[in-house]
Amino acid sequence: MKRARDIRDQLEGLLERVEIELSSSPNELDAVKNAHVIQVLPRWVVYHELVLTTKEYMRQVTELKPDWLVEIAPHYYQLKDVEDPASKKMPKGVGRTSELVQL
């Protein structure tokens, strides 16, 4: 919650600097409250910054829908290549267990 408050304070300062009035919509509070909850990690993302500490963190992350990739770059992506792999079976000999065996 402290991080959320710090971000809000930064945004408020930026709005004041460019003389934009701060306004809130009570109807959008549910979306904000649920924004921190990630049930399923996205397969495709775009990020602005990668921070490397003892772990790697992406900042300013936005999820991409697979069909967006096909729409924007059909010469590079095909829907069969970007769709969710969880719905497909892995071929024999491919996957984490086979990698461990090969090591």
PDB file of N, CA and C in Angstrom:
ATOM      1  N   MET A   1       0.815  -1.188   0.000  1.00  0.00           N
ATOM      2  CA  MET A   1       0.000   0.000   0.000  1.00  0.00           C
ATOM      3  C   MET A   1       0.866   1.262   0.000  1.00  0.00           C
ATOM      4  N   LYS A   2       2.024   1.170   0.654  1.00  0.00           N
ATOM      5  CA  LYS A   2       2.918   2.328   0.665  1.00  0.00           C
ATOM      6  C   LYS A   2       3.384   2.650  -0.750  1.00  0.00           C
ATOM      7  N   ARG A   3       3.712   1.606  -1.520  1.00  0.00           N
ATOM      8  CA  ARG A   3       4.153   1.827  -2.897  1.00  0.00           C
ATOM      9  C   ARG A   3       3.042   2.468  -3.731  1.00  0.00           C
ATOM     10  N   ALA A   4       1.813   1.997  -3.538  1.00  0.00           N
ATOM     11  CA  ALA A   4       0.680   2.570  -4.263  1.00  0.00           C
ATOM     12  C   ALA A   4       0.513   4.045  -3.899  1.00  0.00           C
ATOM     13  N   ARG A   5       0.657   4.349  -2.621  1.00  0.00           N
ATOM     14  CA  ARG A   5       0.532   5.744  -2.176  1.00  0.00           C
ATOM     15  C   ARG A   5       1.649   6.600  -2.765  1.00  0.00           C
ATOM     16  N   ASP A   6       2.874   6.084  -2.783  1.00  0.00           N
ATOM     17  CA  ASP A   6       4.000   6.821  -3.365  1.00  0.00           C
ATOM     18  C   ASP A   6       3.759   7.109  -4.848  1.00  0.00           C
ATOM     19  N   ILE A   7       3.249   6.122  -5.569  1.00  0.00           N
ATOM     20  CA  ILE A   7       2.963   6.300  -7.004  1.00  0.00           C
ATOM     21  C   ILE A   7       1.888   7.360  -7.198  1.00  0.00           C
ATOM     22  N   ARG A   8       0.843   7.296  -6.351  1.00  0.00           N
ATOM     23  CA  ARG A   8      -0.227   8.287  -6.453  1.00  0.00           C
ATOM     24  C   ARG A   8       0.321   9.690  -6.200  1.00  0.00           C
ATOM     25  N   ASP A   9       1.177   9.832  -5.195  1.00  0.00           N
ATOM     26  CA  ASP A   9       1.768  11.131  -4.896  1.00  0.00           C
ATOM     27  C   ASP A   9       2.619  11.638  -6.058  1.00  0.00           C
ATOM     28  N   GLN A  10       3.360  10.752  -6.700  1.00  0.00           N
ATOM     29  CA  GLN A  10       4.161  11.141  -7.863  1.00  0.00           C
ATOM     30  C   GLN A  10       3.273  11.612  -9.006  1.00  0.00           C
ATOM     31  N   LEU A  11       2.207  10.856  -9.262  1.00  0.00           N
ATOM     32  CA  LEU A  11       1.278  11.243 -10.332  1.00  0.00           C
ATOM     33  C   LEU A  11       0.609  12.575 -10.026  1.00  0.00           C
ATOM     34  N   GLU A  12       0.241  12.784  -8.768  1.00  0.00           N
ATOM     35  CA  GLU A  12      -0.378  14.041  -8.362  1.00  0.00           C
ATOM     36  C   GLU A  12       0.586  15.211  -8.588  1.00  0.00           C
ATOM     37  N   GLY A  13       1.854  15.009  -8.255  1.00  0.00           N
ATOM     38  CA  GLY A  13       2.855  16.050  -8.488  1.00  0.00           C
ATOM     39  C   GLY A  13       3.037  16.362  -9.958  1.00  0.00           C
ATOM     40  N   LEU A  14       3.025  15.330 -10.793  1.00  0.00           N
ATOM     41  CA  LEU A  14       3.154  15.554 -12.236  1.00  0.00           C
ATOM     42  C   LEU A  14       1.952  16.310 -12.795  1.00  0.00           C
ATOM     43  N   LEU A  15       0.750  15.980 -12.314  1.00  0.00           N
ATOM     44  CA  LEU A  15      -0.444  16.697 -12.750  1.00  0.00           C
ATOM     45  C   LEU A  15      -0.373  18.171 -12.367  1.00  0.00           C
ATOM     46  N   GLU A  16       0.089  18.456 -11.154  1.00  0.00           N
ATOM     47  CA  GLU A  16       0.217  19.851 -10.716  1.00  0.00           C
ATOM     48  C   GLU A  16       1.230  20.595 -11.579  1.00  0.00           C
ATOM     49  N   ARG A  17       2.328  19.928 -11.927  1.00  0.00           N
ATOM     50  CA  ARG A  17       3.383  20.575 -12.714  1.00  0.00           C
ATOM     51  C   ARG A  17       2.881  20.995 -14.095  1.00  0.00           C
ATOM     52  N   VAL A  18       2.034  20.164 -14.702  1.00  0.00           N
ATOM     53  CA  VAL A  18       1.523  20.497 -16.046  1.00  0.00           C
ATOM     54  C   VAL A  18       0.124  21.120 -15.988  1.00  0.00           C
ATOM     55  N   GLU A  19      -0.279  21.511 -14.784  1.00  0.00           N
ATOM     56  CA  GLU A  19      -1.526  22.232 -14.542  1.00  0.00           C
ATOM     57  C   GLU A  19      -2.765  21.493 -15.042  1.00  0.00           C
ATOM     58  N   ILE A  20      -2.830  20.214 -14.692  1.00  0.00           N
ATOM     59  CA  ILE A  20      -4.020  19.410 -14.967  1.00  0.00           C
ATOM     60  C   ILE A  20      -4.700  19.141 -13.643  1.00  0.00           C
ATOM     61  N   GLU A  21      -6.015  19.390 -13.609  1.00  0.00           N
ATOM     62  CA  GLU A  21      -6.762  19.218 -12.366  1.00  0.00           C
ATOM     63  C   GLU A  21      -6.902  17.737 -12.027  1.00  0.00           C
ATOM     64  N   LEU A  22      -6.647  17.403 -10.780  1.00  0.00           N
ATOM     65  CA  LEU A  22      -6.802  16.038 -10.295  1.00  0.00           C
ATOM     66  C   LEU A  22      -8.280  15.736 -10.132  1.00  0.00           C
ATOM     67  N   SER A  23      -8.731  14.647 -10.751  1.00  0.00           N
ATOM     68  CA  SER A  23     -10.136  14.249 -10.595  1.00  0.00           C
ATOM     69  C   SER A  23     -10.192  12.738 -10.480  1.00  0.00           C
ATOM     70  N   SER A  24     -11.185  12.261  -9.753  1.00  0.00           N
ATOM     71  CA  SER A  24     -11.366  10.830  -9.563  1.00  0.00           C
ATOM     72  C   SER A  24     -12.791  10.466  -9.933  1.00  0.00           C
ATOM     73  N   SER A  25     -12.974   9.232 -10.360  1.00  0.00           N
ATOM     74  CA  SER A  25     -14.303   8.736 -10.665  1.00  0.00           C
ATOM     75  C   SER A  25     -14.628   7.598  -9.712  1.00  0.00           C
ATOM     76  N   PRO A  26     -15.635   7.766  -8.865  1.00  0.00           N
ATOM     77  CA  PRO A  26     -15.962   6.708  -7.907  1.00  0.00           C
ATOM     78  C   PRO A  26     -16.394   5.410  -8.588  1.00  0.00           C
ATOM     79  N   ASN A  27     -16.827   5.487  -9.832  1.00  0.00           N
ATOM     80  CA  ASN A  27     -17.261   4.291 -10.559  1.00  0.00           C
ATOM     81  C   ASN A  27     -16.100   3.401 -10.973  1.00  0.00           C
ATOM     82  N   GLU A  28     -14.887   3.905 -10.971  1.00  0.00           N
ATOM     83  CA  GLU A  28     -13.732   3.147 -11.432  1.00  0.00           C
ATOM     84  C   GLU A  28     -12.915   2.550 -10.286  1.00  0.00           C
ATOM     85  N   LEU A  29     -13.374   2.660  -9.070  1.00  0.00           N
ATOM     86  CA  LEU A  29     -12.610   2.168  -7.927  1.00  0.00           C
ATOM     87  C   LEU A  29     -12.449   0.656  -7.941  1.00  0.00           C
ATOM     88  N   ASP A  30     -13.456  -0.084  -8.387  1.00  0.00           N
ATOM     89  CA  ASP A  30     -13.341  -1.541  -8.418  1.00  0.00           C
ATOM     90  C   ASP A  30     -12.217  -1.993  -9.336  1.00  0.00           C
ATOM     91  N   ALA A  31     -12.064  -1.350 -10.471  1.00  0.00           N
ATOM     92  CA  ALA A  31     -10.987  -1.699 -11.397  1.00  0.00           C
ATOM     93  C   ALA A  31      -9.624  -1.433 -10.760  1.00  0.00           C
ATOM     94  N   VAL A  32      -9.503  -0.342 -10.039  1.00  0.00           N
ATOM     95  CA  VAL A  32      -8.242  -0.012  -9.378  1.00  0.00           C
ATOM     96  C   VAL A  32      -7.946  -1.009  -8.265  1.00  0.00           C
ATOM     97  N   LYS A  33      -8.955  -1.367  -7.487  1.00  0.00           N
ATOM     98  CA  LYS A  33      -8.755  -2.316  -6.395  1.00  0.00           C
ATOM     99  C   LYS A  33      -8.312  -3.681  -6.901  1.00  0.00           C
ATOM    100  N   ASN A  34      -8.824  -4.085  -8.044  1.00  0.00           N
ATOM    101  CA  ASN A  34      -8.494  -5.393  -8.592  1.00  0.00           C
ATOM    102  C   ASN A  34      -7.232  -5.391  -9.444  1.00  0.00           C
ATOM    103  N   ALA A  35      -6.662  -4.242  -9.704  1.00  0.00           N
ATOM    104  CA  ALA A  35      -5.517  -4.147 -10.608  1.00  0.00           C
ATOM    105  C   ALA A  35      -4.283  -4.859 -10.073  1.00  0.00           C
ATOM    106  N   HIS A  36      -4.119  -4.962  -8.776  1.00  0.00           N
ATOM    107  CA  HIS A  36      -2.926  -5.590  -8.207  1.00  0.00           C
ATOM    108  C   HIS A  36      -3.017  -7.110  -8.202  1.00  0.00           C
ATOM    109  N   VAL A  37      -4.200  -7.661  -8.455  1.00  0.00           N
ATOM    110  CA  VAL A  37      -4.397  -9.109  -8.396  1.00  0.00           C
ATOM    111  C   VAL A  37      -4.133  -9.712  -9.770  1.00  0.00           C
ATOM    112  N   ILE A  38      -3.143 -10.599  -9.845  1.00  0.00           N
ATOM    113  CA  ILE A  38      -2.838 -11.295 -11.092  1.00  0.00           C
ATOM    114  C   ILE A  38      -3.054 -12.784 -10.839  1.00  0.00           C
ATOM    115  N   GLN A  39      -4.149 -13.370 -11.370  1.00  0.00           N
ATOM    116  CA  GLN A  39      -4.433 -14.788 -11.190  1.00  0.00           C
ATOM    117  C   GLN A  39      -3.581 -15.616 -12.134  1.00  0.00           C
ATOM    118  N   VAL A  40      -3.515 -15.194 -13.406  1.00  0.00           N
ATOM    119  CA  VAL A  40      -2.788 -15.923 -14.433  1.00  0.00           C
ATOM    120  C   VAL A  40      -1.757 -14.985 -15.048  1.00  0.00           C
ATOM    121  N   LEU A  41      -0.507 -15.416 -15.102  1.00  0.00           N
ATOM    122  CA  LEU A  41       0.531 -14.584 -15.706  1.00  0.00           C
ATOM    123  C   LEU A  41       0.345 -14.536 -17.218  1.00  0.00           C
ATOM    124  N   PRO A  42       0.503 -13.371 -17.817  1.00  0.00           N
ATOM    125  CA  PRO A  42       0.338 -13.262 -19.268  1.00  0.00           C
ATOM    126  C   PRO A  42       1.496 -13.917 -20.006  1.00  0.00           C
ATOM    127  N   ARG A  43       1.218 -14.416 -21.197  1.00  0.00           N
ATOM    128  CA  ARG A  43       2.250 -15.052 -22.005  1.00  0.00           C
ATOM    129  C   ARG A  43       3.065 -14.018 -22.780  1.00  0.00           C
ATOM    130  N   TRP A  44       2.431 -12.974 -23.250  1.00  0.00           N
ATOM    131  CA  TRP A  44       3.087 -11.934 -24.048  1.00  0.00           C
ATOM    132  C   TRP A  44       2.950 -10.597 -23.344  1.00  0.00           C
ATOM    133  N   VAL A  45       4.055  -9.890 -23.163  1.00  0.00           N
ATOM    134  CA  VAL A  45       4.037  -8.572 -22.527  1.00  0.00           C
ATOM    135  C   VAL A  45       4.994  -7.630 -23.253  1.00  0.00           C
ATOM    136  N   VAL A  46       4.763  -6.351 -23.048  1.00  0.00           N
ATOM    137  CA  VAL A  46       5.702  -5.306 -23.455  1.00  0.00           C
ATOM    138  C   VAL A  46       6.083  -4.595 -22.172  1.00  0.00           C
ATOM    139  N   TYR A  47       7.375  -4.334 -21.985  1.00  0.00           N
ATOM    140  CA  TYR A  47       7.797  -3.630 -20.778  1.00  0.00           C
ATOM    141  C   TYR A  47       8.762  -2.520 -21.154  1.00  0.00           C
ATOM    142  N   HIS A  48       8.860  -1.550 -20.259  1.00  0.00           N
ATOM    143  CA  HIS A  48       9.717  -0.393 -20.510  1.00  0.00           C
ATOM    144  C   HIS A  48      11.096  -0.554 -19.888  1.00  0.00           C
ATOM    145  N   GLU A  49      11.148  -1.184 -18.731  1.00  0.00           N
ATOM    146  CA  GLU A  49      12.409  -1.252 -18.006  1.00  0.00           C
ATOM    147  C   GLU A  49      12.564  -2.616 -17.347  1.00  0.00           C
ATOM    148  N   LEU A  50      13.766  -3.163 -17.411  1.00  0.00           N
ATOM    149  CA  LEU A  50      14.088  -4.411 -16.732  1.00  0.00           C
ATOM    150  C   LEU A  50      15.065  -4.087 -15.614  1.00  0.00           C
ATOM    151  N   VAL A  51      14.674  -4.439 -14.388  1.00  0.00           N
ATOM    152  CA  VAL A  51      15.504  -4.159 -13.216  1.00  0.00           C
ATOM    153  C   VAL A  51      16.087  -5.479 -12.735  1.00  0.00           C
ATOM    154  N   LEU A  52      17.388  -5.514 -12.578  1.00  0.00           N
ATOM    155  CA  LEU A  52      18.066  -6.723 -12.144  1.00  0.00           C
ATOM    156  C   LEU A  52      18.620  -6.516 -10.741  1.00  0.00           C
ATOM    157  N   THR A  53      18.049  -7.247  -9.784  1.00  0.00           N
ATOM    158  CA  THR A  53      18.573  -7.270  -8.420  1.00  0.00           C
ATOM    159  C   THR A  53      18.972  -8.720  -8.181  1.00  0.00           C
ATOM    160  N   THR A  54      18.579  -9.284  -7.066  1.00  0.00           N
ATOM    161  CA  THR A  54      18.784 -10.722  -6.902  1.00  0.00           C
ATOM    162  C   THR A  54      17.802 -11.488  -7.777  1.00  0.00           C
ATOM    163  N   LYS A  55      16.763 -10.797  -8.249  1.00  0.00           N
ATOM    164  CA  LYS A  55      15.787 -11.329  -9.197  1.00  0.00           C
ATOM    165  C   LYS A  55      15.615 -10.309 -10.316  1.00  0.00           C
ATOM    166  N   GLU A  56      14.936 -10.714 -11.384  1.00  0.00           N
ATOM    167  CA  GLU A  56      14.632  -9.773 -12.463  1.00  0.00           C
ATOM    168  C   GLU A  56      13.211  -9.278 -12.316  1.00  0.00           C
ATOM    169  N   TYR A  57      13.023  -7.969 -12.489  1.00  0.00           N
ATOM    170  CA  TYR A  57      11.708  -7.356 -12.411  1.00  0.00           C
ATOM    171  C   TYR A  57      11.483  -6.503 -13.650  1.00  0.00           C
ATOM    172  N   MET A  58      10.281  -6.574 -14.207  1.00  0.00           N
ATOM    173  CA  MET A  58       9.900  -5.705 -15.308  1.00  0.00           C
ATOM    174  C   MET A  58       9.052  -4.578 -14.739  1.00  0.00           C
ATOM    175  N   ARG A  59       9.292  -3.378 -15.221  1.00  0.00           N
ATOM    176  CA  ARG A  59       8.492  -2.233 -14.807  1.00  0.00           C
ATOM    177  C   ARG A  59       7.694  -1.727 -15.999  1.00  0.00           C
ATOM    178  N   GLN A  60       6.564  -1.137 -15.684  1.00  0.00           N
ATOM    179  CA  GLN A  60       5.659  -0.578 -16.691  1.00  0.00           C
ATOM    180  C   GLN A  60       5.313  -1.638 -17.728  1.00  0.00           C
ATOM    181  N   VAL A  61       4.622  -2.662 -17.266  1.00  0.00           N
ATOM    182  CA  VAL A  61       4.306  -3.832 -18.072  1.00  0.00           C
ATOM    183  C   VAL A  61       2.872  -3.766 -18.571  1.00  0.00           C
ATOM    184  N   THR A  62       2.680  -4.113 -19.828  1.00  0.00           N
ATOM    185  CA  THR A  62       1.352  -4.195 -20.418  1.00  0.00           C
ATOM    186  C   THR A  62       1.213  -5.536 -21.110  1.00  0.00           C
ATOM    187  N   GLU A  63       0.099  -6.197 -20.878  1.00  0.00           N
ATOM    188  CA  GLU A  63      -0.155  -7.487 -21.520  1.00  0.00           C
ATOM    189  C   GLU A  63      -0.536  -7.282 -22.980  1.00  0.00           C
ATOM    190  N   LEU A  64      -0.021  -8.157 -23.823  1.00  0.00           N
ATOM    191  CA  LEU A  64      -0.401  -8.180 -25.241  1.00  0.00           C
ATOM    192  C   LEU A  64      -1.289  -9.381 -25.496  1.00  0.00           C
ATOM    193  N   LYS A  65      -2.316  -9.195 -26.276  1.00  0.00           N
ATOM    194  CA  LYS A  65      -3.158 -10.312 -26.693  1.00  0.00           C
ATOM    195  C   LYS A  65      -2.500 -10.948 -27.924  1.00  0.00           C
ATOM    196  N   PRO A  66      -2.489 -12.280 -28.020  1.00  0.00           N
ATOM    197  CA  PRO A  66      -1.829 -12.941 -29.146  1.00  0.00           C
ATOM    198  C   PRO A  66      -2.344 -12.490 -30.503  1.00  0.00           C
ATOM    199  N   ASP A  67      -3.637 -12.238 -30.616  1.00  0.00           N
ATOM    200  CA  ASP A  67      -4.163 -11.823 -31.914  1.00  0.00           C
ATOM    201  C   ASP A  67      -3.673 -10.432 -32.318  1.00  0.00           C
ATOM    202  N   TRP A  68      -3.249  -9.598 -31.348  1.00  0.00           N
ATOM    203  CA  TRP A  68      -2.658  -8.303 -31.685  1.00  0.00           C
ATOM    204  C   TRP A  68      -1.351  -8.498 -32.440  1.00  0.00           C
ATOM    205  N   LEU A  69      -0.549  -9.475 -32.007  1.00  0.00           N
ATOM    206  CA  LEU A  69       0.722  -9.726 -32.683  1.00  0.00           C
ATOM    207  C   LEU A  69       0.488 -10.148 -34.129  1.00  0.00           C
ATOM    208  N   VAL A  70      -0.507 -10.992 -34.329  1.00  0.00           N
ATOM    209  CA  VAL A  70      -0.828 -11.459 -35.684  1.00  0.00           C
ATOM    210  C   VAL A  70      -1.342 -10.298 -36.522  1.00  0.00           C
ATOM    211  N   GLU A  71      -2.152  -9.438 -35.920  1.00  0.00           N
ATOM    212  CA  GLU A  71      -2.722  -8.302 -36.645  1.00  0.00           C
ATOM    213  C   GLU A  71      -1.658  -7.282 -37.049  1.00  0.00           C
ATOM    214  N   ILE A  72      -0.733  -7.008 -36.146  1.00  0.00           N
ATOM    215  CA  ILE A  72       0.289  -5.992 -36.404  1.00  0.00           C
ATOM    216  C   ILE A  72       1.400  -6.504 -37.311  1.00  0.00           C
ATOM    217  N   ALA A  73       1.806  -7.754 -37.114  1.00  0.00           N
ATOM    218  CA  ALA A  73       2.933  -8.290 -37.889  1.00  0.00           C
ATOM    219  C   ALA A  73       2.610  -9.678 -38.445  1.00  0.00           C
ATOM    220  N   PRO A  74       1.657  -9.763 -39.384  1.00  0.00           N
ATOM    221  CA  PRO A  74       1.292 -11.074 -39.921  1.00  0.00           C
ATOM    222  C   PRO A  74       2.427 -11.733 -40.710  1.00  0.00           C
ATOM    223  N   HIS A  75       3.368 -10.935 -41.149  1.00  0.00           N
ATOM    224  CA  HIS A  75       4.525 -11.478 -41.867  1.00  0.00           C
ATOM    225  C   HIS A  75       5.499 -12.186 -40.919  1.00  0.00           C
ATOM    226  N   TYR A  76       5.334 -11.937 -39.616  1.00  0.00           N
ATOM    227  CA  TYR A  76       6.240 -12.525 -38.635  1.00  0.00           C
ATOM    228  C   TYR A  76       5.549 -13.534 -37.722  1.00  0.00           C
ATOM    229  N   TYR A  77       4.312 -13.231 -37.307  1.00  0.00           N
ATOM    230  CA  TYR A  77       3.580 -14.087 -36.377  1.00  0.00           C
ATOM    231  C   TYR A  77       2.400 -14.765 -37.062  1.00  0.00           C
ATOM    232  N   GLN A  78       2.136 -16.007 -36.676  1.00  0.00           N
ATOM    233  CA  GLN A  78       0.927 -16.719 -37.075  1.00  0.00           C
ATOM    234  C   GLN A  78       0.207 -17.110 -35.799  1.00  0.00           C
ATOM    235  N   LEU A  79      -1.131 -17.133 -35.849  1.00  0.00           N
ATOM    236  CA  LEU A  79      -1.907 -17.401 -34.653  1.00  0.00           C
ATOM    237  C   LEU A  79      -1.543 -18.736 -34.018  1.00  0.00           C
ATOM    238  N   LYS A  80      -1.243 -19.739 -34.819  1.00  0.00           N
ATOM    239  CA  LYS A  80      -0.887 -21.043 -34.256  1.00  0.00           C
ATOM    240  C   LYS A  80       0.404 -20.974 -33.437  1.00  0.00           C
ATOM    241  N   ASP A  81       1.263 -20.019 -33.728  1.00  0.00           N
ATOM    242  CA  ASP A  81       2.528 -19.880 -33.002  1.00  0.00           C
ATOM    243  C   ASP A  81       2.390 -19.102 -31.701  1.00  0.00           C
ATOM    244  N   VAL A  82       1.390 -18.231 -31.606  1.00  0.00           N
ATOM    245  CA  VAL A  82       1.277 -17.365 -30.430  1.00  0.00           C
ATOM    246  C   VAL A  82       0.131 -17.737 -29.504  1.00  0.00           C
ATOM    247  N   GLU A  83      -0.680 -18.702 -29.866  1.00  0.00           N
ATOM    248  CA  GLU A  83      -1.799 -19.061 -29.000  1.00  0.00           C
ATOM    249  C   GLU A  83      -1.305 -19.777 -27.752  1.00  0.00           C
ATOM    250  N   ASP A  84      -2.169 -19.929 -26.789  1.00  0.00           N
ATOM    251  CA  ASP A  84      -1.832 -20.472 -25.471  1.00  0.00           C
ATOM    252  C   ASP A  84      -1.321 -21.904 -25.570  1.00  0.00           C
ATOM    253  N   PRO A  85      -0.093 -22.173 -25.121  1.00  0.00           N
ATOM    254  CA  PRO A  85       0.452 -23.524 -25.216  1.00  0.00           C
ATOM    255  C   PRO A  85      -0.166 -24.490 -24.209  1.00  0.00           C
ATOM    256  N   ALA A  86      -0.853 -23.966 -23.196  1.00  0.00           N
ATOM    257  CA  ALA A  86      -1.453 -24.846 -22.197  1.00  0.00           C
ATOM    258  C   ALA A  86      -2.554 -25.704 -22.788  1.00  0.00           C
ATOM    259  N   SER A  87      -3.106 -25.243 -23.906  1.00  0.00           N
ATOM    260  CA  SER A  87      -4.182 -26.001 -24.525  1.00  0.00           C
ATOM    261  C   SER A  87      -3.649 -27.100 -25.439  1.00  0.00           C
ATOM    262  N   LYS A  88      -2.357 -27.148 -25.628  1.00  0.00           N
ATOM    263  CA  LYS A  88      -1.753 -28.144 -26.516  1.00  0.00           C
ATOM    264  C   LYS A  88      -0.948 -29.154 -25.708  1.00  0.00           C
ATOM    265  N   LYS A  89      -0.820 -30.339 -26.253  1.00  0.00           N
ATOM    266  CA  LYS A  89       0.048 -31.339 -25.633  1.00  0.00           C
ATOM    267  C   LYS A  89       1.468 -31.122 -26.127  1.00  0.00           C
ATOM    268  N   MET A  90       2.421 -31.396 -25.272  1.00  0.00           N
ATOM    269  CA  MET A  90       3.824 -31.285 -25.652  1.00  0.00           C
ATOM    270  C   MET A  90       4.233 -32.540 -26.417  1.00  0.00           C
ATOM    271  N   PRO A  91       5.054 -32.400 -27.464  1.00  0.00           N
ATOM    272  CA  PRO A  91       5.561 -33.588 -28.140  1.00  0.00           C
ATOM    273  C   PRO A  91       6.455 -34.385 -27.201  1.00  0.00           C
ATOM    274  N   LYS A  92       6.584 -35.673 -27.454  1.00  0.00           N
ATOM    275  CA  LYS A  92       7.436 -36.497 -26.609  1.00  0.00           C
ATOM    276  C   LYS A  92       8.871 -35.992 -26.666  1.00  0.00           C
ATOM    277  N   GLY A  93       9.519 -36.043 -25.530  1.00  0.00           N
ATOM    278  CA  GLY A  93      10.917 -35.637 -25.476  1.00  0.00           C
ATOM    279  C   GLY A  93      11.120 -34.144 -25.373  1.00  0.00           C
ATOM    280  N   VAL A  94      10.036 -33.366 -25.318  1.00  0.00           N
ATOM    281  CA  VAL A  94      10.167 -31.920 -25.216  1.00  0.00           C
ATOM    282  C   VAL A  94       9.562 -31.485 -23.889  1.00  0.00           C
ATOM    283  N   GLY A  95      10.244 -30.619 -23.222  1.00  0.00           N
ATOM    284  CA  GLY A  95       9.724 -30.124 -21.956  1.00  0.00           C
ATOM    285  C   GLY A  95      10.794 -30.133 -20.882  1.00  0.00           C
ATOM    286  N   ARG A  96      10.392 -29.756 -19.715  1.00  0.00           N
ATOM    287  CA  ARG A  96      11.336 -29.588 -18.623  1.00  0.00           C
ATOM    288  C   ARG A  96      11.989 -30.894 -18.206  1.00  0.00           C
ATOM    289  N   THR A  97      11.236 -31.991 -18.156  1.00  0.00           N
ATOM    290  CA  THR A  97      11.822 -33.250 -17.698  1.00  0.00           C
ATOM    291  C   THR A  97      12.895 -33.750 -18.667  1.00  0.00           C
ATOM    292  N   SER A  98      12.671 -33.543 -19.963  1.00  0.00           N
ATOM    293  CA  SER A  98      13.679 -34.001 -20.922  1.00  0.00           C
ATOM    294  C   SER A  98      14.943 -33.142 -20.817  1.00  0.00           C
ATOM    295  N   GLU A  99      14.771 -31.844 -20.472  1.00  0.00           N
ATOM    296  CA  GLU A  99      15.939 -30.981 -20.295  1.00  0.00           C
ATOM    297  C   GLU A  99      16.750 -31.442 -19.091  1.00  0.00           C
ATOM    298  N   LEU A 100      16.081 -31.819 -18.039  1.00  0.00           N
ATOM    299  CA  LEU A 100      16.786 -32.260 -16.842  1.00  0.00           C
ATOM    300  C   LEU A 100      17.553 -33.560 -17.117  1.00  0.00           C
ATOM    301  N   VAL A 101      16.961 -34.432 -17.910  1.00  0.00           N
ATOM    302  CA  VAL A 101      17.615 -35.685 -18.232  1.00  0.00           C
ATOM    303  C   VAL A 101      18.862 -35.453 -19.069  1.00  0.00           C
ATOM    304  N   GLN A 102      18.790 -34.491 -19.996  1.00  0.00           N
ATOM    305  CA  GLN A 102      19.910 -34.220 -20.891  1.00  0.00           C
ATOM    306  C   GLN A 102      21.091 -33.596 -20.162  1.00  0.00           C
ATOM    307  N   LEU A 103      20.829 -32.911 -19.067  1.00  0.00           N
ATOM    308  CA  LEU A 103      21.918 -32.277 -18.329  1.00  0.00           C
ATOM    309  C   LEU A 103      22.781 -33.345 -17.706  1.00  0.00           C
TER     310      LEU A 103
END
